[in-house]
N, C-alpha and C. Protein backbone atom coordinates (compact mmCIF):
# COMPACT_ATOMS: atom_id res chain seq x y z
N UNK A 1 38.17 20.06 68.83
CA UNK A 1 38.30 18.76 68.23
C UNK A 1 38.93 17.82 69.26
N UNK A 2 38.37 16.67 69.40
CA UNK A 2 38.84 15.69 70.38
C UNK A 2 39.74 14.66 69.69
N UNK A 3 40.91 14.43 70.29
CA UNK A 3 41.83 13.43 69.74
C UNK A 3 41.34 12.04 70.09
N UNK A 4 41.45 11.15 69.15
CA UNK A 4 41.06 9.78 69.43
C UNK A 4 42.16 9.10 70.25
N UNK A 5 41.82 7.99 70.83
CA UNK A 5 42.76 7.26 71.66
C UNK A 5 43.98 6.82 70.85
N UNK A 6 43.76 6.36 69.63
CA UNK A 6 44.89 5.92 68.81
C UNK A 6 45.81 7.08 68.44
N UNK A 7 45.25 8.28 68.24
CA UNK A 7 46.08 9.45 67.96
C UNK A 7 46.95 9.80 69.16
N UNK A 8 46.38 9.70 70.36
CA UNK A 8 47.16 9.99 71.58
C UNK A 8 48.27 8.96 71.77
N UNK A 9 47.96 7.69 71.47
CA UNK A 9 48.96 6.64 71.60
C UNK A 9 50.09 6.85 70.59
N UNK A 10 49.74 7.20 69.37
CA UNK A 10 50.76 7.45 68.35
C UNK A 10 51.65 8.62 68.75
N UNK A 11 51.04 9.67 69.29
CA UNK A 11 51.82 10.83 69.72
C UNK A 11 52.76 10.47 70.87
N UNK A 12 52.27 9.66 71.82
CA UNK A 12 53.10 9.23 72.94
C UNK A 12 54.23 8.34 72.46
N UNK A 13 53.95 7.47 71.50
CA UNK A 13 54.99 6.60 70.96
C UNK A 13 56.05 7.42 70.25
N UNK A 14 55.63 8.42 69.52
CA UNK A 14 56.58 9.30 68.82
C UNK A 14 57.48 10.03 69.82
N UNK A 15 56.88 10.54 70.90
CA UNK A 15 57.68 11.23 71.94
C UNK A 15 58.65 10.26 72.60
N UNK A 16 58.20 9.03 72.87
CA UNK A 16 59.07 8.04 73.52
C UNK A 16 60.25 7.69 72.62
N UNK A 17 59.99 7.51 71.33
CA UNK A 17 61.09 7.20 70.41
C UNK A 17 62.08 8.35 70.31
N UNK A 18 61.58 9.56 70.30
CA UNK A 18 62.45 10.73 70.25
C UNK A 18 63.30 10.83 71.52
N UNK A 19 62.69 10.59 72.67
CA UNK A 19 63.44 10.62 73.94
C UNK A 19 64.51 9.54 73.96
N UNK A 20 64.17 8.33 73.49
CA UNK A 20 65.13 7.23 73.47
C UNK A 20 66.29 7.57 72.54
N UNK A 21 65.98 8.16 71.40
CA UNK A 21 67.03 8.55 70.45
C UNK A 21 67.97 9.58 71.09
N UNK A 22 67.39 10.55 71.79
CA UNK A 22 68.21 11.58 72.45
C UNK A 22 69.09 10.98 73.54
N UNK A 23 68.55 10.03 74.32
CA UNK A 23 69.35 9.38 75.37
C UNK A 23 70.50 8.59 74.75
N UNK A 24 70.21 7.85 73.67
CA UNK A 24 71.24 7.06 73.02
C UNK A 24 72.34 7.97 72.46
N UNK A 25 71.94 9.07 71.86
CA UNK A 25 72.90 10.02 71.30
C UNK A 25 73.78 10.59 72.41
N UNK A 26 73.17 10.91 73.55
CA UNK A 26 73.93 11.46 74.68
C UNK A 26 74.93 10.44 75.22
N UNK A 27 74.53 9.16 75.31
CA UNK A 27 75.44 8.13 75.78
C UNK A 27 76.61 7.94 74.81
N UNK A 28 76.33 7.97 73.53
CA UNK A 28 77.40 7.81 72.55
C UNK A 28 78.40 8.95 72.62
N UNK A 29 77.94 10.14 72.93
CA UNK A 29 78.83 11.29 73.03
C UNK A 29 79.73 11.21 74.25
N UNK A 30 79.26 10.53 75.31
CA UNK A 30 80.03 10.48 76.55
C UNK A 30 80.84 9.20 76.70
N UNK A 31 80.84 8.33 75.68
CA UNK A 31 81.62 7.09 75.78
C UNK A 31 83.10 7.43 75.92
N UNK A 32 83.75 6.72 76.81
CA UNK A 32 85.18 6.93 77.02
C UNK A 32 85.97 6.00 76.10
N UNK A 33 87.12 6.43 75.71
CA UNK A 33 87.99 5.58 74.91
C UNK A 33 88.53 4.46 75.78
N UNK A 34 88.84 3.33 75.14
CA UNK A 34 89.41 2.21 75.88
C UNK A 34 90.83 2.56 76.32
N UNK A 35 91.21 2.01 77.45
CA UNK A 35 92.55 2.24 77.97
C UNK A 35 93.55 1.42 77.17
N UNK A 36 94.58 2.04 76.69
CA UNK A 36 95.61 1.34 75.94
C UNK A 36 96.68 0.83 76.90
N UNK A 37 97.00 -0.45 76.82
CA UNK A 37 98.02 -1.03 77.67
C UNK A 37 97.56 -1.26 79.10
N UNK A 38 96.28 -1.16 79.35
CA UNK A 38 95.75 -1.35 80.69
C UNK A 38 95.54 -2.82 81.02
N UNK A 39 95.12 -3.11 82.23
CA UNK A 39 94.91 -4.49 82.64
C UNK A 39 93.73 -5.12 81.89
N UNK A 40 93.81 -6.41 81.65
CA UNK A 40 92.75 -7.14 80.99
C UNK A 40 91.71 -7.56 82.03
N UNK A 41 90.50 -7.68 81.62
CA UNK A 41 89.45 -8.15 82.53
C UNK A 41 88.90 -7.04 83.39
N UNK A 42 88.43 -7.43 84.58
CA UNK A 42 87.80 -6.49 85.49
C UNK A 42 88.81 -5.49 86.06
N UNK A 43 88.30 -4.37 86.50
CA UNK A 43 89.14 -3.31 87.08
C UNK A 43 89.85 -3.85 88.32
N UNK A 44 91.18 -3.84 88.36
CA UNK A 44 91.90 -4.43 89.49
C UNK A 44 91.76 -3.64 90.79
N UNK A 45 91.34 -2.40 90.72
CA UNK A 45 91.22 -1.60 91.94
C UNK A 45 89.83 -1.67 92.54
N UNK A 46 88.97 -2.56 92.05
CA UNK A 46 87.59 -2.59 92.52
C UNK A 46 87.47 -2.97 93.99
N UNK A 47 88.48 -3.64 94.55
CA UNK A 47 88.44 -4.00 95.96
C UNK A 47 89.47 -3.22 96.77
N UNK A 48 90.05 -2.20 96.18
CA UNK A 48 91.07 -1.41 96.86
C UNK A 48 92.45 -2.03 96.78
N UNK A 49 92.60 -3.09 96.01
CA UNK A 49 93.89 -3.76 95.83
C UNK A 49 94.32 -3.61 94.38
N UNK A 50 95.61 -3.71 94.17
CA UNK A 50 96.14 -3.70 92.83
C UNK A 50 96.92 -4.98 92.64
N UNK A 51 96.58 -5.71 91.59
CA UNK A 51 97.26 -6.97 91.32
C UNK A 51 97.94 -6.86 89.97
N UNK A 52 99.22 -7.20 89.96
CA UNK A 52 99.97 -7.17 88.71
C UNK A 52 100.90 -8.37 88.69
N UNK A 53 100.74 -9.22 87.70
CA UNK A 53 101.56 -10.43 87.54
C UNK A 53 101.54 -11.30 88.79
N UNK A 54 100.38 -11.44 89.39
CA UNK A 54 100.21 -12.32 90.54
C UNK A 54 100.59 -11.72 91.87
N UNK A 55 101.11 -10.51 91.90
CA UNK A 55 101.49 -9.86 93.15
C UNK A 55 100.45 -8.79 93.47
N UNK A 56 99.86 -8.90 94.67
CA UNK A 56 98.83 -7.94 95.08
C UNK A 56 99.42 -6.94 96.05
N UNK A 57 99.03 -5.70 95.92
CA UNK A 57 99.46 -4.66 96.85
C UNK A 57 98.26 -3.83 97.25
N UNK A 58 98.23 -3.43 98.52
CA UNK A 58 97.12 -2.61 99.03
C UNK A 58 97.49 -1.14 98.90
N UNK A 59 96.46 -0.34 98.80
CA UNK A 59 96.67 1.10 98.75
C UNK A 59 96.66 1.67 100.14
């Protein structure tokens, strides 16, 4: 029995949705908790410097 084109497309769409669901589930499981009491905004060590209350220090 030969599958029609629309049947193959439906099967591919179903597989794609299942893969997307699995990826989303995996990302949700690996989410990190937010840092409590940490710096606001962007990560201050992104340039190798640490800035706190306007004073910058190098590592």
